[in-house]
Amino acid sequence: MSGLVELLRSLFLGARSASTAGRARKARKRRPPGPAQRQPRRGRSVSRSESGAPPAALHRSVPHVTVLQDPRSRPANPYWRLRGWRQVKSNLYLGYFKTRLGRRHGVIKWTSQYDFAFYVHDVPSRILHGPHGRCFQEVKPGKYRVHFAQLPSDLNSGIFYIETLLMEAFEHGKTA
């Protein structure tokens, strides 16, 4: 009868008597290791607690693994979007060529598969009278088309190149 009382007590109260806990411990030790329980490799001594988990000190020594993004992958947003340009029509983009020292309004027209027409408004006189002055052709008063020696492969590289020219002009004008 006492065995039945201990069983009911353990089921309802969750407390085990000494004899029940001892029997459970013996059964756990005799059980052959299954596929989930791996034996330590030879030469490595890994101490495990009764529950089969490694000690807490072993958890602290395991380094975190960080997965890095492939540097060759393209970002989700292209450069022209990051710089605030917007696509008005399928072949027309409006925005600003921005530098840390100033910005100029610009228009980009996509004329064919590999040809973009870049227009810049109010080009600084430092650029027009500098070594790249011939690259800027005035279309209307205050509006210039940029001629490239080597055509940019896409919108992003064209915007980046013009921003670099503007930055050089602003920095040169600041120091001179």
N, C-alpha and C. Protein backbone atom coordinates (compact mmCIF):
# COMPACT_ATOMS: atom_id res chain seq x y z
N MET A 1 0.80 -1.19 0.00
CA MET A 1 0.00 0.00 0.00
C MET A 1 0.85 1.25 0.00
N SER A 2 1.99 1.20 0.67
CA SER A 2 2.84 2.39 0.74
C SER A 2 3.38 2.76 -0.63
N GLY A 3 3.59 1.76 -1.51
CA GLY A 3 4.05 2.04 -2.86
C GLY A 3 3.02 2.80 -3.66
N LEU A 4 1.72 2.46 -3.45
CA LEU A 4 0.64 3.15 -4.14
C LEU A 4 0.51 4.58 -3.63
N VAL A 5 0.68 4.79 -2.35
CA VAL A 5 0.62 6.12 -1.76
C VAL A 5 1.76 6.98 -2.30
N GLU A 6 2.94 6.42 -2.38
CA GLU A 6 4.09 7.17 -2.91
C GLU A 6 3.89 7.53 -4.38
N LEU A 7 3.30 6.63 -5.12
CA LEU A 7 3.05 6.90 -6.53
C LEU A 7 2.03 8.02 -6.70
N LEU A 8 0.93 7.95 -5.95
CA LEU A 8 -0.08 9.01 -6.01
C LEU A 8 0.50 10.35 -5.55
N ARG A 9 1.28 10.30 -4.49
CA ARG A 9 1.91 11.52 -3.98
C ARG A 9 2.83 12.13 -5.04
N SER A 10 3.59 11.31 -5.74
CA SER A 10 4.51 11.84 -6.75
C SER A 10 3.77 12.37 -7.97
N LEU A 11 2.62 11.73 -8.30
CA LEU A 11 1.85 12.22 -9.44
C LEU A 11 1.18 13.56 -9.16
N PHE A 12 0.57 13.70 -8.01
CA PHE A 12 -0.20 14.90 -7.71
C PHE A 12 0.63 16.01 -7.09
N LEU A 13 1.57 15.69 -6.27
CA LEU A 13 2.34 16.71 -5.58
C LEU A 13 3.68 16.98 -6.25
N GLY A 14 4.12 16.09 -7.09
CA GLY A 14 5.37 16.28 -7.78
C GLY A 14 6.58 15.95 -6.93
N ALA A 15 6.39 15.58 -5.70
CA ALA A 15 7.51 15.25 -4.82
C ALA A 15 7.75 13.76 -4.87
N ARG A 16 8.99 13.37 -4.93
CA ARG A 16 9.36 11.96 -4.95
C ARG A 16 9.90 11.57 -3.59
N SER A 17 9.62 10.39 -3.24
CA SER A 17 10.20 9.88 -2.00
C SER A 17 11.63 9.44 -2.31
N ALA A 18 12.37 9.11 -1.30
CA ALA A 18 13.77 8.73 -1.46
C ALA A 18 13.90 7.44 -2.25
N SER A 19 13.00 6.50 -2.02
CA SER A 19 13.11 5.22 -2.72
C SER A 19 12.76 5.38 -4.20
N THR A 20 11.77 6.22 -4.54
CA THR A 20 11.38 6.43 -5.94
C THR A 20 12.48 7.16 -6.70
N ALA A 21 13.07 8.18 -6.07
CA ALA A 21 14.16 8.93 -6.71
C ALA A 21 15.36 8.03 -6.95
N GLY A 22 15.63 7.13 -6.02
CA GLY A 22 16.76 6.21 -6.18
C GLY A 22 16.54 5.24 -7.33
N ARG A 23 15.32 4.73 -7.46
CA ARG A 23 15.02 3.82 -8.55
C ARG A 23 15.13 4.52 -9.91
N ALA A 24 14.66 5.75 -9.98
CA ALA A 24 14.72 6.51 -11.24
C ALA A 24 16.18 6.78 -11.63
N ARG A 25 17.02 7.08 -10.64
CA ARG A 25 18.43 7.36 -10.91
C ARG A 25 19.14 6.11 -11.42
N LYS A 26 18.83 4.97 -10.84
CA LYS A 26 19.44 3.72 -11.28
C LYS A 26 19.01 3.38 -12.70
N ALA A 27 17.73 3.61 -13.02
CA ALA A 27 17.22 3.32 -14.37
C ALA A 27 17.88 4.22 -15.40
N ARG A 28 18.13 5.45 -15.05
CA ARG A 28 18.77 6.39 -15.96
C ARG A 28 20.21 5.99 -16.25
N LYS A 29 20.91 5.49 -15.25
CA LYS A 29 22.31 5.10 -15.44
C LYS A 29 22.43 3.85 -16.31
N ARG A 30 21.49 2.92 -16.21
CA ARG A 30 21.57 1.68 -16.96
C ARG A 30 21.14 1.82 -18.41
N ARG A 31 20.48 2.88 -18.76
CA ARG A 31 19.95 3.05 -20.11
C ARG A 31 21.10 3.19 -21.11
N PRO A 32 21.07 2.44 -22.21
CA PRO A 32 22.14 2.59 -23.22
C PRO A 32 21.99 3.93 -23.94
N PRO A 33 23.11 4.52 -24.37
CA PRO A 33 23.02 5.83 -25.02
C PRO A 33 22.31 5.72 -26.37
N GLY A 34 21.36 6.62 -26.60
CA GLY A 34 20.62 6.66 -27.86
C GLY A 34 21.31 7.57 -28.85
N PRO A 35 20.69 7.79 -30.01
CA PRO A 35 21.32 8.65 -31.01
C PRO A 35 21.45 10.10 -30.55
N ALA A 36 20.56 10.55 -29.66
CA ALA A 36 20.63 11.93 -29.20
C ALA A 36 21.74 12.12 -28.18
N GLN A 37 22.11 11.04 -27.46
CA GLN A 37 23.16 11.15 -26.45
C GLN A 37 24.47 10.70 -27.07
N ARG A 38 25.35 11.59 -27.30
CA ARG A 38 26.63 11.26 -27.92
C ARG A 38 27.69 11.07 -26.86
N GLN A 39 28.56 10.15 -27.13
CA GLN A 39 29.68 9.91 -26.23
C GLN A 39 30.80 10.89 -26.57
N PRO A 40 31.58 11.34 -25.60
CA PRO A 40 32.68 12.26 -25.91
C PRO A 40 33.75 11.56 -26.75
N ARG A 41 34.43 12.31 -27.57
CA ARG A 41 35.49 11.77 -28.41
C ARG A 41 36.67 11.34 -27.56
N ARG A 42 37.49 10.45 -28.11
CA ARG A 42 38.68 10.02 -27.38
C ARG A 42 39.63 11.19 -27.20
N GLY A 43 40.23 11.22 -26.05
CA GLY A 43 41.21 12.27 -25.79
C GLY A 43 40.58 13.52 -25.19
N ARG A 44 39.26 13.62 -25.26
CA ARG A 44 38.58 14.78 -24.69
C ARG A 44 37.79 14.31 -23.48
N SER A 45 38.03 14.92 -22.36
CA SER A 45 37.24 14.56 -21.19
C SER A 45 36.21 15.67 -20.98
N VAL A 46 34.97 15.31 -21.15
CA VAL A 46 33.89 16.26 -20.94
C VAL A 46 33.07 15.75 -19.78
N SER A 47 33.03 16.53 -18.72
CA SER A 47 32.23 16.12 -17.58
C SER A 47 30.80 16.57 -17.81
N ARG A 48 29.88 15.70 -17.50
CA ARG A 48 28.46 16.01 -17.68
C ARG A 48 27.75 15.81 -16.34
N SER A 49 26.73 16.59 -16.15
CA SER A 49 25.95 16.44 -14.93
C SER A 49 25.01 15.25 -15.09
N GLU A 50 24.21 14.98 -14.09
CA GLU A 50 23.31 13.84 -14.16
C GLU A 50 22.28 14.00 -15.27
N SER A 51 21.94 15.23 -15.61
CA SER A 51 20.94 15.44 -16.65
C SER A 51 21.51 15.24 -18.05
N GLY A 52 22.82 15.10 -18.16
CA GLY A 52 23.44 14.87 -19.46
C GLY A 52 23.90 16.15 -20.13
N ALA A 53 23.67 17.31 -19.50
CA ALA A 53 24.08 18.58 -20.09
C ALA A 53 25.51 18.90 -19.69
N PRO A 54 26.27 19.59 -20.54
CA PRO A 54 27.63 19.97 -20.17
C PRO A 54 27.61 21.00 -19.05
N PRO A 55 28.67 21.10 -18.28
CA PRO A 55 28.69 22.06 -17.19
C PRO A 55 28.63 23.49 -17.70
N ALA A 56 28.27 24.41 -16.80
CA ALA A 56 28.08 25.81 -17.19
C ALA A 56 29.37 26.43 -17.69
N ALA A 57 30.53 26.01 -17.19
CA ALA A 57 31.81 26.58 -17.63
C ALA A 57 32.06 26.29 -19.10
N LEU A 58 31.58 25.14 -19.58
CA LEU A 58 31.76 24.80 -20.98
C LEU A 58 30.93 25.70 -21.89
N HIS A 59 29.75 26.12 -21.42
CA HIS A 59 28.91 27.02 -22.20
C HIS A 59 29.57 28.38 -22.42
N ARG A 60 30.28 28.85 -21.42
CA ARG A 60 30.91 30.17 -21.53
C ARG A 60 32.07 30.19 -22.51
N SER A 61 32.73 29.06 -22.70
CA SER A 61 33.92 29.04 -23.54
C SER A 61 33.60 28.89 -25.03
N VAL A 62 32.35 28.60 -25.38
CA VAL A 62 31.98 28.43 -26.79
C VAL A 62 31.78 29.80 -27.42
N PRO A 63 32.51 30.14 -28.49
CA PRO A 63 32.37 31.46 -29.09
C PRO A 63 31.08 31.56 -29.90
N HIS A 64 30.59 32.78 -30.03
CA HIS A 64 29.41 33.04 -30.87
C HIS A 64 29.85 33.07 -32.32
N VAL A 65 29.03 32.56 -33.20
CA VAL A 65 29.32 32.58 -34.62
C VAL A 65 28.47 33.66 -35.25
N THR A 66 29.10 34.59 -35.96
CA THR A 66 28.40 35.67 -36.63
C THR A 66 28.44 35.43 -38.12
N VAL A 67 27.28 35.46 -38.76
CA VAL A 67 27.21 35.26 -40.19
C VAL A 67 27.29 36.63 -40.85
N LEU A 68 28.29 36.81 -41.71
CA LEU A 68 28.49 38.08 -42.39
C LEU A 68 27.87 38.03 -43.77
N GLN A 69 27.49 39.22 -44.26
CA GLN A 69 26.93 39.31 -45.60
C GLN A 69 28.06 39.24 -46.63
N ASP A 70 27.78 38.61 -47.73
CA ASP A 70 28.75 38.49 -48.81
C ASP A 70 29.07 39.90 -49.33
N PRO A 71 30.35 40.33 -49.32
CA PRO A 71 30.68 41.69 -49.74
C PRO A 71 30.41 41.94 -51.22
N ARG A 72 30.30 40.88 -52.02
CA ARG A 72 30.04 41.07 -53.44
C ARG A 72 28.57 41.25 -53.74
N SER A 73 27.71 41.01 -52.77
CA SER A 73 26.28 41.15 -53.02
C SER A 73 25.90 42.63 -53.04
N ARG A 74 24.91 42.96 -53.84
CA ARG A 74 24.48 44.34 -53.95
C ARG A 74 23.53 44.68 -52.80
N PRO A 75 23.56 45.93 -52.35
CA PRO A 75 22.65 46.30 -51.27
C PRO A 75 21.20 46.30 -51.76
N ALA A 76 20.28 46.25 -50.81
CA ALA A 76 18.86 46.22 -51.17
C ALA A 76 18.45 47.51 -51.87
N ASN A 77 18.96 48.64 -51.42
CA ASN A 77 18.65 49.92 -52.03
C ASN A 77 19.83 50.40 -52.85
N PRO A 78 19.61 50.76 -54.11
CA PRO A 78 20.73 51.27 -54.91
C PRO A 78 21.15 52.66 -54.43
N TYR A 79 22.33 53.08 -54.88
CA TYR A 79 22.92 54.35 -54.44
C TYR A 79 22.01 55.53 -54.76
N TRP A 80 21.36 55.52 -55.94
CA TRP A 80 20.53 56.66 -56.31
C TRP A 80 19.35 56.81 -55.36
N ARG A 81 18.82 55.71 -54.85
CA ARG A 81 17.72 55.81 -53.87
C ARG A 81 18.24 56.29 -52.52
N LEU A 82 19.41 55.81 -52.13
CA LEU A 82 19.98 56.23 -50.85
C LEU A 82 20.27 57.72 -50.84
N ARG A 83 20.59 58.27 -52.00
CA ARG A 83 20.90 59.70 -52.10
C ARG A 83 19.66 60.57 -52.30
N GLY A 84 18.47 59.97 -52.33
CA GLY A 84 17.23 60.75 -52.38
C GLY A 84 16.70 61.03 -53.78
N TRP A 85 17.23 60.37 -54.80
CA TRP A 85 16.71 60.57 -56.15
C TRP A 85 15.38 59.84 -56.27
N ARG A 86 14.51 60.37 -57.14
CA ARG A 86 13.23 59.70 -57.37
C ARG A 86 12.99 59.52 -58.86
N GLN A 87 12.35 58.44 -59.19
CA GLN A 87 12.06 58.12 -60.59
C GLN A 87 10.69 58.69 -60.92
N VAL A 88 10.66 59.71 -61.81
CA VAL A 88 9.42 60.38 -62.17
C VAL A 88 8.71 59.61 -63.28
N LYS A 89 9.44 59.24 -64.31
CA LYS A 89 8.93 58.42 -65.40
C LYS A 89 9.85 57.22 -65.54
N SER A 90 9.55 56.37 -66.50
CA SER A 90 10.39 55.18 -66.66
C SER A 90 11.82 55.54 -67.08
N ASN A 91 12.01 56.69 -67.70
CA ASN A 91 13.35 57.08 -68.16
C ASN A 91 13.80 58.42 -67.60
N LEU A 92 13.19 58.93 -66.53
CA LEU A 92 13.53 60.25 -66.00
C LEU A 92 13.67 60.19 -64.48
N TYR A 93 14.80 60.71 -63.99
CA TYR A 93 15.09 60.73 -62.56
C TYR A 93 15.40 62.15 -62.14
N LEU A 94 14.87 62.57 -60.97
CA LEU A 94 15.11 63.90 -60.43
C LEU A 94 15.73 63.77 -59.04
N GLY A 95 16.64 64.67 -58.73
CA GLY A 95 17.26 64.65 -57.41
C GLY A 95 18.36 65.67 -57.30
N TYR A 96 19.21 65.50 -56.31
CA TYR A 96 20.31 66.42 -56.05
C TYR A 96 21.62 65.65 -56.01
N PHE A 97 22.64 66.26 -56.62
CA PHE A 97 24.01 65.76 -56.46
C PHE A 97 24.50 66.37 -55.16
N LYS A 98 24.70 65.55 -54.14
CA LYS A 98 24.99 66.04 -52.79
C LYS A 98 26.43 65.79 -52.39
N THR A 99 27.00 66.77 -51.73
CA THR A 99 28.30 66.63 -51.08
C THR A 99 28.16 67.21 -49.68
N ARG A 100 29.18 67.07 -48.87
CA ARG A 100 29.09 67.62 -47.52
C ARG A 100 29.23 69.14 -47.52
N LEU A 101 29.67 69.71 -48.64
CA LEU A 101 29.85 71.15 -48.71
C LEU A 101 28.79 71.86 -49.56
N GLY A 102 27.87 71.12 -50.17
CA GLY A 102 26.83 71.74 -50.96
C GLY A 102 26.11 70.72 -51.82
N ARG A 103 25.06 71.19 -52.50
CA ARG A 103 24.31 70.29 -53.37
C ARG A 103 23.83 71.06 -54.59
N ARG A 104 23.61 70.35 -55.69
CA ARG A 104 23.14 70.94 -56.94
C ARG A 104 22.01 70.08 -57.49
N HIS A 105 20.97 70.74 -57.98
CA HIS A 105 19.83 70.03 -58.57
C HIS A 105 20.28 69.32 -59.84
N GLY A 106 19.73 68.11 -60.07
CA GLY A 106 20.11 67.35 -61.24
C GLY A 106 18.95 66.60 -61.85
N VAL A 107 19.12 66.27 -63.14
CA VAL A 107 18.16 65.48 -63.90
C VAL A 107 18.95 64.42 -64.64
N ILE A 108 18.40 63.21 -64.65
CA ILE A 108 19.04 62.11 -65.40
C ILE A 108 18.00 61.53 -66.33
N LYS A 109 18.35 61.47 -67.62
CA LYS A 109 17.47 60.86 -68.61
C LYS A 109 18.14 59.60 -69.12
N TRP A 110 17.37 58.56 -69.18
CA TRP A 110 17.85 57.28 -69.69
C TRP A 110 17.48 57.24 -71.16
N THR A 111 18.46 57.43 -72.04
CA THR A 111 18.19 57.56 -73.47
C THR A 111 18.21 56.22 -74.20
N SER A 112 19.09 55.33 -73.85
CA SER A 112 19.12 54.00 -74.44
C SER A 112 19.61 53.02 -73.39
N GLN A 113 19.83 51.77 -73.79
CA GLN A 113 20.17 50.74 -72.82
C GLN A 113 21.42 51.07 -72.02
N TYR A 114 22.44 51.65 -72.66
CA TYR A 114 23.70 51.92 -71.97
C TYR A 114 24.04 53.41 -71.92
N ASP A 115 23.10 54.28 -72.24
CA ASP A 115 23.41 55.70 -72.30
C ASP A 115 22.47 56.48 -71.39
N PHE A 116 23.07 57.25 -70.51
CA PHE A 116 22.34 58.13 -69.62
C PHE A 116 22.78 59.56 -69.90
N ALA A 117 21.85 60.49 -69.87
CA ALA A 117 22.18 61.91 -70.01
C ALA A 117 22.06 62.54 -68.62
N PHE A 118 23.17 63.06 -68.12
CA PHE A 118 23.21 63.68 -66.79
C PHE A 118 23.20 65.19 -66.96
N TYR A 119 22.28 65.86 -66.26
CA TYR A 119 22.18 67.32 -66.31
C TYR A 119 22.34 67.86 -64.89
N VAL A 120 23.10 68.95 -64.78
CA VAL A 120 23.34 69.59 -63.49
C VAL A 120 22.95 71.05 -63.63
N HIS A 121 22.21 71.56 -62.65
CA HIS A 121 21.80 72.97 -62.64
C HIS A 121 22.77 73.77 -61.77
N ASP A 122 23.05 74.97 -62.19
CA ASP A 122 23.90 75.91 -61.42
C ASP A 122 25.24 75.30 -61.03
N VAL A 123 26.00 74.95 -62.04
CA VAL A 123 27.32 74.37 -61.81
C VAL A 123 28.24 75.46 -61.27
N PRO A 124 29.04 75.18 -60.24
CA PRO A 124 29.97 76.18 -59.70
C PRO A 124 30.98 76.62 -60.76
N SER A 125 31.33 77.88 -60.74
CA SER A 125 32.27 78.42 -61.73
C SER A 125 33.65 77.76 -61.59
N ARG A 126 33.98 77.26 -60.41
CA ARG A 126 35.27 76.58 -60.22
C ARG A 126 35.38 75.36 -61.11
N ILE A 127 34.25 74.67 -61.33
CA ILE A 127 34.28 73.51 -62.22
C ILE A 127 34.38 73.97 -63.67
N LEU A 128 33.59 74.97 -64.03
CA LEU A 128 33.57 75.42 -65.43
C LEU A 128 34.91 75.97 -65.88
N HIS A 129 35.66 76.58 -64.98
CA HIS A 129 36.97 77.15 -65.32
C HIS A 129 38.13 76.23 -64.92
N GLY A 130 37.81 75.05 -64.46
CA GLY A 130 38.84 74.10 -64.04
C GLY A 130 39.14 73.08 -65.13
N PRO A 131 39.86 72.03 -64.78
CA PRO A 131 40.26 71.03 -65.77
C PRO A 131 39.08 70.24 -66.35
N HIS A 132 37.95 70.21 -65.67
CA HIS A 132 36.79 69.47 -66.17
C HIS A 132 35.73 70.40 -66.77
N GLY A 133 36.10 71.63 -67.06
CA GLY A 133 35.15 72.59 -67.62
C GLY A 133 34.59 72.16 -68.96
N ARG A 134 35.41 71.48 -69.77
CA ARG A 134 34.95 71.04 -71.09
C ARG A 134 33.94 69.90 -71.00
N CYS A 135 33.86 69.24 -69.87
CA CYS A 135 32.91 68.13 -69.69
C CYS A 135 31.49 68.64 -69.49
N PHE A 136 31.32 69.91 -69.19
CA PHE A 136 29.99 70.48 -68.93
C PHE A 136 29.59 71.37 -70.10
N GLN A 137 28.55 70.95 -70.83
CA GLN A 137 28.06 71.69 -71.99
C GLN A 137 26.75 72.37 -71.62
N GLU A 138 26.68 73.69 -71.80
CA GLU A 138 25.48 74.43 -71.42
C GLU A 138 24.35 74.16 -72.43
N VAL A 139 23.22 73.67 -71.93
CA VAL A 139 22.06 73.38 -72.76
C VAL A 139 21.10 74.55 -72.72
N LYS A 140 20.81 75.06 -71.56
CA LYS A 140 19.98 76.23 -71.30
C LYS A 140 20.74 77.07 -70.30
N PRO A 141 20.37 78.31 -70.12
CA PRO A 141 21.07 79.11 -69.10
C PRO A 141 20.96 78.47 -67.71
N GLY A 142 22.09 78.11 -67.16
CA GLY A 142 22.16 77.51 -65.83
C GLY A 142 22.00 76.00 -65.82
N LYS A 143 21.74 75.37 -66.98
CA LYS A 143 21.57 73.92 -67.04
C LYS A 143 22.65 73.34 -67.94
N TYR A 144 23.43 72.40 -67.40
CA TYR A 144 24.57 71.83 -68.13
C TYR A 144 24.42 70.32 -68.27
N ARG A 145 24.79 69.83 -69.44
CA ARG A 145 24.85 68.38 -69.65
C ARG A 145 26.29 67.95 -69.41
N VAL A 146 26.45 66.82 -68.72
CA VAL A 146 27.78 66.32 -68.39
C VAL A 146 28.18 65.31 -69.46
N HIS A 147 29.37 65.56 -70.05
CA HIS A 147 29.93 64.64 -71.04
C HIS A 147 31.01 63.83 -70.36
N PHE A 148 30.95 62.52 -70.50
CA PHE A 148 31.91 61.63 -69.85
C PHE A 148 32.92 61.12 -70.88
N ALA A 149 34.18 61.01 -70.49
CA ALA A 149 35.17 60.39 -71.35
C ALA A 149 34.89 58.89 -71.46
N GLN A 150 34.51 58.27 -70.36
CA GLN A 150 34.09 56.88 -70.34
C GLN A 150 32.68 56.85 -69.74
N LEU A 151 31.73 56.32 -70.51
CA LEU A 151 30.34 56.32 -70.07
C LEU A 151 30.18 55.52 -68.78
N PRO A 152 29.38 56.05 -67.85
CA PRO A 152 29.13 55.27 -66.64
C PRO A 152 28.28 54.03 -66.97
N SER A 153 28.50 52.98 -66.25
CA SER A 153 27.80 51.73 -66.53
C SER A 153 26.35 51.76 -66.04
N ASP A 154 26.07 52.60 -65.04
CA ASP A 154 24.72 52.69 -64.52
C ASP A 154 24.51 54.04 -63.85
N LEU A 155 23.32 54.27 -63.33
CA LEU A 155 22.99 55.52 -62.65
C LEU A 155 23.90 55.78 -61.45
N ASN A 156 24.12 54.75 -60.68
CA ASN A 156 24.88 54.90 -59.44
C ASN A 156 26.28 55.44 -59.67
N SER A 157 26.99 54.87 -60.65
CA SER A 157 28.36 55.31 -60.89
C SER A 157 28.38 56.73 -61.48
N GLY A 158 27.39 57.10 -62.28
CA GLY A 158 27.33 58.47 -62.82
C GLY A 158 27.08 59.49 -61.73
N ILE A 159 26.16 59.21 -60.84
CA ILE A 159 25.88 60.12 -59.72
C ILE A 159 27.11 60.25 -58.83
N PHE A 160 27.75 59.14 -58.55
CA PHE A 160 28.94 59.16 -57.70
C PHE A 160 30.05 59.99 -58.33
N TYR A 161 30.25 59.85 -59.65
CA TYR A 161 31.32 60.58 -60.33
C TYR A 161 31.06 62.09 -60.30
N ILE A 162 29.83 62.50 -60.57
CA ILE A 162 29.51 63.93 -60.56
C ILE A 162 29.63 64.50 -59.15
N GLU A 163 29.21 63.74 -58.15
CA GLU A 163 29.37 64.20 -56.77
C GLU A 163 30.84 64.35 -56.39
N THR A 164 31.68 63.47 -56.91
CA THR A 164 33.11 63.57 -56.67
C THR A 164 33.68 64.84 -57.31
N LEU A 165 33.25 65.14 -58.54
CA LEU A 165 33.70 66.38 -59.19
C LEU A 165 33.27 67.62 -58.40
N LEU A 166 32.02 67.62 -57.95
CA LEU A 166 31.53 68.76 -57.15
C LEU A 166 32.30 68.89 -55.85
N MET A 167 32.59 67.78 -55.23
CA MET A 167 33.34 67.82 -53.96
C MET A 167 34.74 68.38 -54.17
N GLU A 168 35.40 67.94 -55.24
CA GLU A 168 36.73 68.47 -55.53
C GLU A 168 36.68 69.96 -55.80
N ALA A 169 35.64 70.42 -56.51
CA ALA A 169 35.52 71.85 -56.80
C ALA A 169 35.27 72.65 -55.53
N PHE A 170 34.40 72.17 -54.68
CA PHE A 170 34.13 72.88 -53.45
C PHE A 170 35.35 72.91 -52.54
N GLU A 171 36.07 71.80 -52.43
CA GLU A 171 37.27 71.77 -51.59
C GLU A 171 38.37 72.64 -52.16
N HIS A 172 38.54 72.64 -53.49
CA HIS A 172 39.57 73.47 -54.12
C HIS A 172 39.25 74.95 -53.92
N GLY A 173 37.99 75.30 -54.05
CA GLY A 173 37.59 76.70 -53.85
C GLY A 173 37.71 77.15 -52.42
N LYS A 174 37.59 76.23 -51.48
CA LYS A 174 37.70 76.56 -50.07
C LYS A 174 39.13 76.84 -49.67
N THR A 175 40.08 76.10 -50.25
CA THR A 175 41.48 76.28 -49.89
C THR A 175 42.14 77.40 -50.68
N ALA A 176 41.64 77.70 -51.85
CA ALA A 176 42.28 78.73 -52.69
C ALA A 176 41.87 80.11 -52.32
